[in-house]
Amino acid sequence: MGSNVLIEENQIKFGTELRRITLRTDIDNWTPLTVSEIGAIFSEIPITWCIAGGWALDLYLGRQSRKHADIDIIVLREQQAIAFQHLSKGWQLYKADEGKLALWEEGEYLPLTNDIWVSRDGGSPWAFQIMLIDVDQDLWIYGREQSIRRPITDIIARTQEGIPFLKPEIQLLYKGGSSKIREKDHHDFLTVGPELTPMAQEWLRSSLIKQFPEGHVWMDHMGKGGWR
């Protein structure tokens, strides 16, 4: 086991059964896979998926705009069992809840958990993170403001090589809609925002207004007539 991996043993009651679970706390212990490695893994799984996070924005730009400490993949919540069935053959999956990372058990359905961290085993660095998203029939739902929805077919774009990635205006909404906008989020907004189509810029602006009717720090850069 790597010396920088911290593991805690806890007992949690599941119904009448008391189970011993393993918690990991080494949240900065990352050796992320590459985009092509992720593509090779997920192309073999019969689910809807796409690259998210900062890498999604760079795939849109067609170049790497900054260093990435991790790599995120979106999976539909309703397809989580299929993803688990395929990934658990070679990986350990941990569910992130209330600041803790606990092993995701076989057969366990996650109705509220949004983030899954994945490593080769309990002593290996994190390789990628899965983000579970909710859908209503064929519509993606933005969890922080559920009136914001789009067809699933309209949230994913593809590179020339066929790698699916989350459309940039949606990824920027996730970043700008967070309770804490990080320096890298603001960097991504200033880098990618001007490269969006006018339609995508307007969608992002109107979506931020829905979530933050009192105003948002990014509005200084987005007018109704376009980027400024």
C-alpha atoms as a PDB file:
ATOM      1  CA  MET A   1       0.000   0.000   0.000  1.00  0.00           C
ATOM      2  CA  GLY A   2       1.328   3.475  -0.887  1.00  0.00           C
ATOM      3  CA  SER A   3       2.540   5.451   2.103  1.00  0.00           C
ATOM      4  CA  ASN A   4       0.391   8.446   1.182  1.00  0.00           C
ATOM      5  CA  VAL A   5      -2.886   6.508   1.200  1.00  0.00           C
ATOM      6  CA  LEU A   6      -4.911   6.965   4.372  1.00  0.00           C
ATOM      7  CA  ILE A   7      -7.520   4.314   5.134  1.00  0.00           C
ATOM      8  CA  GLU A   8     -10.038   4.152   7.951  1.00  0.00           C
ATOM      9  CA  GLU A   9     -12.137   1.156   8.989  1.00  0.00           C
ATOM     10  CA  ASN A  10     -15.701   1.864  10.076  1.00  0.00           C
ATOM     11  CA  GLN A  11     -18.816  -0.135  10.755  1.00  0.00           C
ATOM     12  CA  ILE A  12     -22.123   0.991   9.252  1.00  0.00           C
ATOM     13  CA  LYS A  13     -25.506  -0.625   9.713  1.00  0.00           C
ATOM     14  CA  PHE A  14     -27.348  -1.660   6.532  1.00  0.00           C
ATOM     15  CA  GLY A  15     -30.818  -2.695   7.696  1.00  0.00           C
ATOM     16  CA  THR A  16     -30.159  -5.468  10.236  1.00  0.00           C
ATOM     17  CA  GLU A  17     -26.657  -6.165   8.898  1.00  0.00           C
ATOM     18  CA  LEU A  18     -23.507  -4.550  10.279  1.00  0.00           C
ATOM     19  CA  ARG A  19     -20.871  -4.154   7.583  1.00  0.00           C
ATOM     20  CA  ARG A  20     -17.244  -3.123   7.852  1.00  0.00           C
ATOM     21  CA  ILE A  21     -16.409  -0.526   5.225  1.00  0.00           C
ATOM     22  CA  THR A  22     -13.199   1.110   4.104  1.00  0.00           C
ATOM     23  CA  LEU A  23     -12.924   4.871   3.857  1.00  0.00           C
ATOM     24  CA  ARG A  24     -10.189   6.649   1.930  1.00  0.00           C
ATOM     25  CA  THR A  25      -9.118  10.182   2.742  1.00  0.00           C
ATOM     26  CA  ASP A  26      -6.254  10.704   0.256  1.00  0.00           C
ATOM     27  CA  ILE A  27      -8.170  13.136  -1.952  1.00  0.00           C
ATOM     28  CA  ASP A  28      -5.029  14.671  -3.475  1.00  0.00           C
ATOM     29  CA  ASN A  29      -3.463  11.345  -4.461  1.00  0.00           C
ATOM     30  CA  TRP A  30      -4.050  11.505  -8.227  1.00  0.00           C
ATOM     31  CA  THR A  31      -2.409   9.951 -11.262  1.00  0.00           C
ATOM     32  CA  PRO A  32      -5.167  10.570 -13.800  1.00  0.00           C
ATOM     33  CA  LEU A  33      -5.627   8.560 -16.958  1.00  0.00           C
ATOM     34  CA  THR A  34      -5.354  10.284 -20.309  1.00  0.00           C
ATOM     35  CA  VAL A  35      -8.328  11.152 -22.491  1.00  0.00           C
ATOM     36  CA  SER A  36      -7.442   8.346 -24.896  1.00  0.00           C
ATOM     37  CA  GLU A  37      -7.183   5.830 -22.051  1.00  0.00           C
ATOM     38  CA  ILE A  38     -10.611   6.871 -20.796  1.00  0.00           C
ATOM     39  CA  GLY A  39     -11.973   6.514 -24.320  1.00  0.00           C
ATOM     40  CA  ALA A  40     -10.607   2.984 -24.588  1.00  0.00           C
ATOM     41  CA  ILE A  41     -12.225   1.963 -21.284  1.00  0.00           C
ATOM     42  CA  PHE A  42     -15.644   3.534 -21.701  1.00  0.00           C
ATOM     43  CA  SER A  43     -16.075   2.729 -25.385  1.00  0.00           C
ATOM     44  CA  GLU A  44     -16.465  -0.898 -24.277  1.00  0.00           C
ATOM     45  CA  ILE A  45     -19.329  -0.090 -21.868  1.00  0.00           C
ATOM     46  CA  PRO A  46     -22.867   0.122 -23.358  1.00  0.00           C
ATOM     47  CA  ILE A  47     -23.871   3.382 -21.665  1.00  0.00           C
ATOM     48  CA  THR A  48     -24.160   7.090 -22.449  1.00  0.00           C
ATOM     49  CA  TRP A  49     -20.993   8.803 -21.220  1.00  0.00           C
ATOM     50  CA  CYS A  50     -18.758  11.775 -21.926  1.00  0.00           C
ATOM     51  CA  ILE A  51     -15.628  13.557 -20.694  1.00  0.00           C
ATOM     52  CA  ALA A  52     -16.437  16.449 -18.344  1.00  0.00           C
ATOM     53  CA  GLY A  53     -14.524  19.026 -16.310  1.00  0.00           C
ATOM     54  CA  GLY A  54     -11.567  20.985 -17.596  1.00  0.00           C
ATOM     55  CA  TRP A  55     -10.683  18.331 -20.143  1.00  0.00           C
ATOM     56  CA  ALA A  56     -14.107  18.714 -21.780  1.00  0.00           C
ATOM     57  CA  LEU A  57     -13.392  22.396 -22.314  1.00  0.00           C
ATOM     58  CA  ASP A  58      -9.970  21.665 -23.787  1.00  0.00           C
ATOM     59  CA  LEU A  59     -11.447  19.057 -26.129  1.00  0.00           C
ATOM     60  CA  TYR A  60     -13.801  21.773 -27.352  1.00  0.00           C
ATOM     61  CA  LEU A  61     -10.893  24.187 -27.848  1.00  0.00           C
ATOM     62  CA  GLY A  62      -8.797  21.524 -29.559  1.00  0.00           C
ATOM     63  CA  ARG A  63      -5.806  22.284 -27.328  1.00  0.00           C
ATOM     64  CA  GLN A  64      -4.752  21.988 -23.698  1.00  0.00           C
ATOM     65  CA  SER A  65      -5.196  25.368 -22.040  1.00  0.00           C
ATOM     66  CA  ARG A  66      -3.925  24.455 -18.571  1.00  0.00           C
ATOM     67  CA  LYS A  67      -2.698  21.552 -16.446  1.00  0.00           C
ATOM     68  CA  HIS A  68      -5.363  19.118 -15.211  1.00  0.00           C
ATOM     69  CA  ALA A  69      -4.960  17.348 -11.876  1.00  0.00           C
ATOM     70  CA  ASP A  70      -7.787  14.873 -12.549  1.00  0.00           C
ATOM     71  CA  ILE A  71     -10.208  13.704 -15.218  1.00  0.00           C
ATOM     72  CA  ASP A  72     -14.014  13.516 -14.967  1.00  0.00           C
ATOM     73  CA  ILE A  73     -16.536  11.347 -16.792  1.00  0.00           C
ATOM     74  CA  ILE A  74     -20.291  11.850 -16.830  1.00  0.00           C
ATOM     75  CA  VAL A  75     -22.583   8.810 -16.610  1.00  0.00           C
ATOM     76  CA  LEU A  76     -26.383   8.759 -16.422  1.00  0.00           C
ATOM     77  CA  ARG A  77     -27.582   7.815 -12.926  1.00  0.00           C
ATOM     78  CA  GLU A  78     -30.031   5.325 -14.403  1.00  0.00           C
ATOM     79  CA  GLN A  79     -27.114   3.476 -16.050  1.00  0.00           C
ATOM     80  CA  GLN A  80     -24.939   3.255 -12.924  1.00  0.00           C
ATOM     81  CA  ALA A  81     -25.427  -0.507 -12.498  1.00  0.00           C
ATOM     82  CA  ILE A  82     -24.102  -1.197 -15.991  1.00  0.00           C
ATOM     83  CA  ALA A  83     -21.099   1.050 -15.367  1.00  0.00           C
ATOM     84  CA  PHE A  84     -20.396  -0.677 -12.047  1.00  0.00           C
ATOM     85  CA  GLN A  85     -20.699  -4.148 -13.565  1.00  0.00           C
ATOM     86  CA  HIS A  86     -18.054  -3.396 -16.185  1.00  0.00           C
ATOM     87  CA  LEU A  87     -15.680  -1.195 -14.193  1.00  0.00           C
ATOM     88  CA  SER A  88     -15.595  -3.263 -10.994  1.00  0.00           C
ATOM     89  CA  LYS A  89     -13.852  -6.087 -12.845  1.00  0.00           C
ATOM     90  CA  GLY A  90     -10.611  -4.118 -12.857  1.00  0.00           C
ATOM     91  CA  TRP A  91     -11.154  -1.100 -10.611  1.00  0.00           C
ATOM     92  CA  GLN A  92     -12.250  -0.162  -7.104  1.00  0.00           C
ATOM     93  CA  LEU A  93     -15.042   2.411  -6.974  1.00  0.00           C
ATOM     94  CA  TYR A  94     -15.619   4.747  -4.035  1.00  0.00           C
ATOM     95  CA  LYS A  95     -18.737   6.821  -3.482  1.00  0.00           C
ATOM     96  CA  ALA A  96     -18.217  10.388  -2.236  1.00  0.00           C
ATOM     97  CA  ASP A  97     -20.668  11.370   0.494  1.00  0.00           C
ATOM     98  CA  GLU A  98     -20.341  14.134   3.084  1.00  0.00           C
ATOM     99  CA  GLY A  99     -16.623  14.516   2.504  1.00  0.00           C
ATOM    100  CA  LYS A 100     -15.846  10.794   2.814  1.00  0.00           C
ATOM    101  CA  LEU A 101     -14.945   8.174   0.221  1.00  0.00           C
ATOM    102  CA  ALA A 102     -16.450   4.752   0.943  1.00  0.00           C
ATOM    103  CA  LEU A 103     -16.356   1.615  -1.175  1.00  0.00           C
ATOM    104  CA  TRP A 104     -19.302   1.289  -3.537  1.00  0.00           C
ATOM    105  CA  GLU A 105     -20.754  -2.153  -2.858  1.00  0.00           C
ATOM    106  CA  GLU A 106     -22.005  -4.494  -5.570  1.00  0.00           C
ATOM    107  CA  GLY A 107     -25.772  -4.223  -5.931  1.00  0.00           C
ATOM    108  CA  GLU A 108     -25.921  -0.884  -4.113  1.00  0.00           C
ATOM    109  CA  TYR A 109     -28.017   1.723  -5.922  1.00  0.00           C
ATOM    110  CA  LEU A 110     -26.937   5.339  -5.426  1.00  0.00           C
ATOM    111  CA  PRO A 111     -30.006   7.619  -5.589  1.00  0.00           C
ATOM    112  CA  LEU A 112     -28.291  10.782  -4.315  1.00  0.00           C
ATOM    113  CA  THR A 113     -24.528  10.324  -4.617  1.00  0.00           C
ATOM    114  CA  ASN A 114     -23.117  12.431  -7.435  1.00  0.00           C
ATOM    115  CA  ASP A 115     -19.405  11.581  -7.443  1.00  0.00           C
ATOM    116  CA  ILE A 116     -17.580   8.256  -7.738  1.00  0.00           C
ATOM    117  CA  TRP A 117     -13.793   8.101  -7.378  1.00  0.00           C
ATOM    118  CA  VAL A 118     -11.977   5.242  -9.090  1.00  0.00           C
ATOM    119  CA  SER A 119      -8.578   3.617  -8.549  1.00  0.00           C
ATOM    120  CA  ARG A 120      -6.989   0.288  -9.421  1.00  0.00           C
ATOM    121  CA  ASP A 121      -7.086  -0.872  -5.794  1.00  0.00           C
ATOM    122  CA  GLY A 122      -7.185   0.479  -2.266  1.00  0.00           C
ATOM    123  CA  GLY A 123      -3.532   1.498  -2.360  1.00  0.00           C
ATOM    124  CA  SER A 124      -3.373   3.073  -5.822  1.00  0.00           C
ATOM    125  CA  PRO A 125      -3.745   6.745  -6.792  1.00  0.00           C
ATOM    126  CA  TRP A 126      -7.061   7.959  -8.136  1.00  0.00           C
ATOM    127  CA  ALA A 127      -7.320   7.421 -11.896  1.00  0.00           C
ATOM    128  CA  PHE A 128     -10.631   9.066 -12.801  1.00  0.00           C
ATOM    129  CA  GLN A 129     -13.860  10.387 -11.323  1.00  0.00           C
ATOM    130  CA  ILE A 130     -17.398   9.575 -12.417  1.00  0.00           C
ATOM    131  CA  MET A 131     -20.148  12.165 -12.078  1.00  0.00           C
ATOM    132  CA  LEU A 132     -23.681  10.734 -12.002  1.00  0.00           C
ATOM    133  CA  ILE A 133     -26.272  13.004 -13.595  1.00  0.00           C
ATOM    134  CA  ASP A 134     -30.051  12.844 -13.426  1.00  0.00           C
ATOM    135  CA  VAL A 135     -32.384  12.589 -16.383  1.00  0.00           C
ATOM    136  CA  ASP A 136     -36.141  12.800 -16.810  1.00  0.00           C
ATOM    137  CA  GLN A 137     -37.054  10.589 -19.738  1.00  0.00           C
ATOM    138  CA  ASP A 138     -34.729  11.983 -22.417  1.00  0.00           C
ATOM    139  CA  LEU A 139     -33.929  15.291 -20.692  1.00  0.00           C
ATOM    140  CA  TRP A 140     -30.801  16.157 -18.725  1.00  0.00           C
ATOM    141  CA  ILE A 141     -31.600  17.969 -15.469  1.00  0.00           C
ATOM    142  CA  TYR A 142     -29.289  20.562 -13.940  1.00  0.00           C
ATOM    143  CA  GLY A 143     -29.383  19.598 -10.280  1.00  0.00           C
ATOM    144  CA  ARG A 144     -28.809  23.077  -8.842  1.00  0.00           C
ATOM    145  CA  GLU A 145     -31.741  24.600 -10.749  1.00  0.00           C
ATOM    146  CA  GLN A 146     -34.005  21.883 -12.045  1.00  0.00           C
ATOM    147  CA  SER A 147     -35.915  24.137 -14.417  1.00  0.00           C
ATOM    148  CA  ILE A 148     -32.772  24.088 -16.573  1.00  0.00           C
ATOM    149  CA  ARG A 149     -33.042  21.067 -18.853  1.00  0.00           C
ATOM    150  CA  ARG A 150     -31.876  19.943 -22.278  1.00  0.00           C
ATOM    151  CA  PRO A 151     -32.275  16.809 -24.369  1.00  0.00           C
ATOM    152  CA  ILE A 152     -29.567  14.269 -23.600  1.00  0.00           C
ATOM    153  CA  THR A 153     -28.683  14.305 -27.284  1.00  0.00           C
ATOM    154  CA  ASP A 154     -27.971  18.042 -26.997  1.00  0.00           C
ATOM    155  CA  ILE A 155     -25.490  18.032 -24.109  1.00  0.00           C
ATOM    156  CA  ILE A 156     -22.720  15.975 -25.728  1.00  0.00           C
ATOM    157  CA  ALA A 157     -20.337  16.867 -28.564  1.00  0.00           C
ATOM    158  CA  ARG A 158     -17.566  14.739 -30.080  1.00  0.00           C
ATOM    159  CA  THR A 159     -13.992  15.253 -31.154  1.00  0.00           C
ATOM    160  CA  GLN A 160     -12.859  14.302 -34.645  1.00  0.00           C
ATOM    161  CA  GLU A 161     -11.627  11.057 -33.102  1.00  0.00           C
ATOM    162  CA  GLY A 162     -15.090  10.357 -31.725  1.00  0.00           C
ATOM    163  CA  ILE A 163     -14.404  11.073 -28.037  1.00  0.00           C
ATOM    164  CA  PRO A 164     -17.632  12.399 -26.441  1.00  0.00           C
ATOM    165  CA  PHE A 165     -17.377  15.483 -24.218  1.00  0.00           C
ATOM    166  CA  LEU A 166     -19.810  17.677 -22.336  1.00  0.00           C
ATOM    167  CA  LYS A 167     -20.699  20.777 -24.317  1.00  0.00           C
ATOM    168  CA  PRO A 168     -18.730  23.781 -23.049  1.00  0.00           C
ATOM    169  CA  GLU A 169     -21.645  26.017 -22.076  1.00  0.00           C
ATOM    170  CA  ILE A 170     -22.979  23.245 -19.816  1.00  0.00           C
ATOM    171  CA  GLN A 171     -19.579  22.596 -18.266  1.00  0.00           C
ATOM    172  CA  LEU A 172     -19.158  26.317 -17.602  1.00  0.00           C
ATOM    173  CA  LEU A 173     -22.593  26.362 -15.956  1.00  0.00           C
ATOM    174  CA  TYR A 174     -21.447  23.621 -13.575  1.00  0.00           C
ATOM    175  CA  LYS A 175     -18.342  25.659 -12.793  1.00  0.00           C
ATOM    176  CA  GLY A 176     -20.083  29.020 -12.469  1.00  0.00           C
ATOM    177  CA  GLY A 177     -23.023  27.529 -10.610  1.00  0.00           C
ATOM    178  CA  SER A 178     -20.870  26.148  -7.820  1.00  0.00           C
ATOM    179  CA  SER A 179     -21.093  27.625  -4.326  1.00  0.00           C
ATOM    180  CA  LYS A 180     -17.379  28.401  -4.623  1.00  0.00           C
ATOM    181  CA  ILE A 181     -15.872  29.451  -7.943  1.00  0.00           C
ATOM    182  CA  ARG A 182     -12.226  28.416  -7.941  1.00  0.00           C
ATOM    183  CA  GLU A 183      -9.394  30.251  -9.685  1.00  0.00           C
ATOM    184  CA  LYS A 184      -9.211  27.539 -12.344  1.00  0.00           C
ATOM    185  CA  ASP A 185     -12.963  27.869 -12.980  1.00  0.00           C
ATOM    186  CA  HIS A 186     -12.600  31.589 -13.613  1.00  0.00           C
ATOM    187  CA  HIS A 187      -9.616  30.874 -15.862  1.00  0.00           C
ATOM    188  CA  ASP A 188     -11.685  28.377 -17.844  1.00  0.00           C
ATOM    189  CA  PHE A 189     -14.531  30.855 -18.191  1.00  0.00           C
ATOM    190  CA  LEU A 190     -12.258  33.636 -19.481  1.00  0.00           C
ATOM    191  CA  THR A 191     -10.486  31.203 -21.835  1.00  0.00           C
ATOM    192  CA  VAL A 192     -13.455  29.320 -23.264  1.00  0.00           C
ATOM    193  CA  GLY A 193     -16.283  31.846 -22.939  1.00  0.00           C
ATOM    194  CA  PRO A 194     -15.172  34.015 -25.872  1.00  0.00           C
ATOM    195  CA  GLU A 195     -14.869  30.872 -28.026  1.00  0.00           C
ATOM    196  CA  LEU A 196     -18.494  29.829 -27.526  1.00  0.00           C
ATOM    197  CA  THR A 197     -21.026  30.329 -30.269  1.00  0.00           C
ATOM    198  CA  PRO A 198     -23.419  33.270 -29.698  1.00  0.00           C
ATOM    199  CA  MET A 199     -26.213  30.763 -29.034  1.00  0.00           C
ATOM    200  CA  ALA A 200     -24.137  28.942 -26.417  1.00  0.00           C
ATOM    201  CA  GLN A 201     -23.116  32.228 -24.783  1.00  0.00           C
ATOM    202  CA  GLU A 202     -26.745  33.282 -24.512  1.00  0.00           C
ATOM    203  CA  TRP A 203     -27.769  29.896 -23.090  1.00  0.00           C
ATOM    204  CA  LEU A 204     -25.059  30.158 -20.415  1.00  0.00           C
ATOM    205  CA  ARG A 205     -26.048  33.724 -19.575  1.00  0.00           C
ATOM    206  CA  SER A 206     -29.748  32.951 -19.273  1.00  0.00           C
ATOM    207  CA  SER A 207     -29.050  29.800 -17.241  1.00  0.00           C
ATOM    208  CA  LEU A 208     -26.888  31.692 -14.753  1.00  0.00           C
ATOM    209  CA  ILE A 209     -29.654  34.308 -14.434  1.00  0.00           C
ATOM    210  CA  LYS A 210     -32.141  31.538 -13.616  1.00  0.00           C
ATOM    211  CA  GLN A 211     -29.874  30.142 -10.914  1.00  0.00           C
ATOM    212  CA  PHE A 212     -28.688  33.538  -9.648  1.00  0.00           C
ATOM    213  CA  PRO A 213     -31.449  36.101 -10.271  1.00  0.00           C
ATOM    214  CA  GLU A 214     -29.675  38.456  -7.867  1.00  0.00           C
ATOM    215  CA  GLY A 215     -26.629  38.523 -10.149  1.00  0.00           C
ATOM    216  CA  HIS A 216     -23.420  36.628 -10.850  1.00  0.00           C
ATOM    217  CA  VAL A 217     -19.790  37.714 -11.056  1.00  0.00           C
ATOM    218  CA  TRP A 218     -19.493  36.489 -14.652  1.00  0.00           C
ATOM    219  CA  MET A 219     -22.265  38.766 -15.887  1.00  0.00           C
ATOM    220  CA  ASP A 220     -19.760  41.587 -16.345  1.00  0.00           C
ATOM    221  CA  HIS A 221     -18.433  39.627 -19.316  1.00  0.00           C
ATOM    222  CA  MET A 222     -21.753  38.563 -20.819  1.00  0.00           C
ATOM    223  CA  GLY A 223     -24.256  40.974 -22.297  1.00  0.00           C
ATOM    224  CA  LYS A 224     -27.473  40.140 -24.074  1.00  0.00           C
ATOM    225  CA  GLY A 225     -25.807  41.045 -27.328  1.00  0.00           C
ATOM    226  CA  GLY A 226     -22.834  38.735 -26.744  1.00  0.00           C
ATOM    227  CA  TRP A 227     -19.431  38.594 -25.081  1.00  0.00           C
ATOM    228  CA  ARG A 228     -17.836  41.806 -23.860  1.00  0.00           C
END
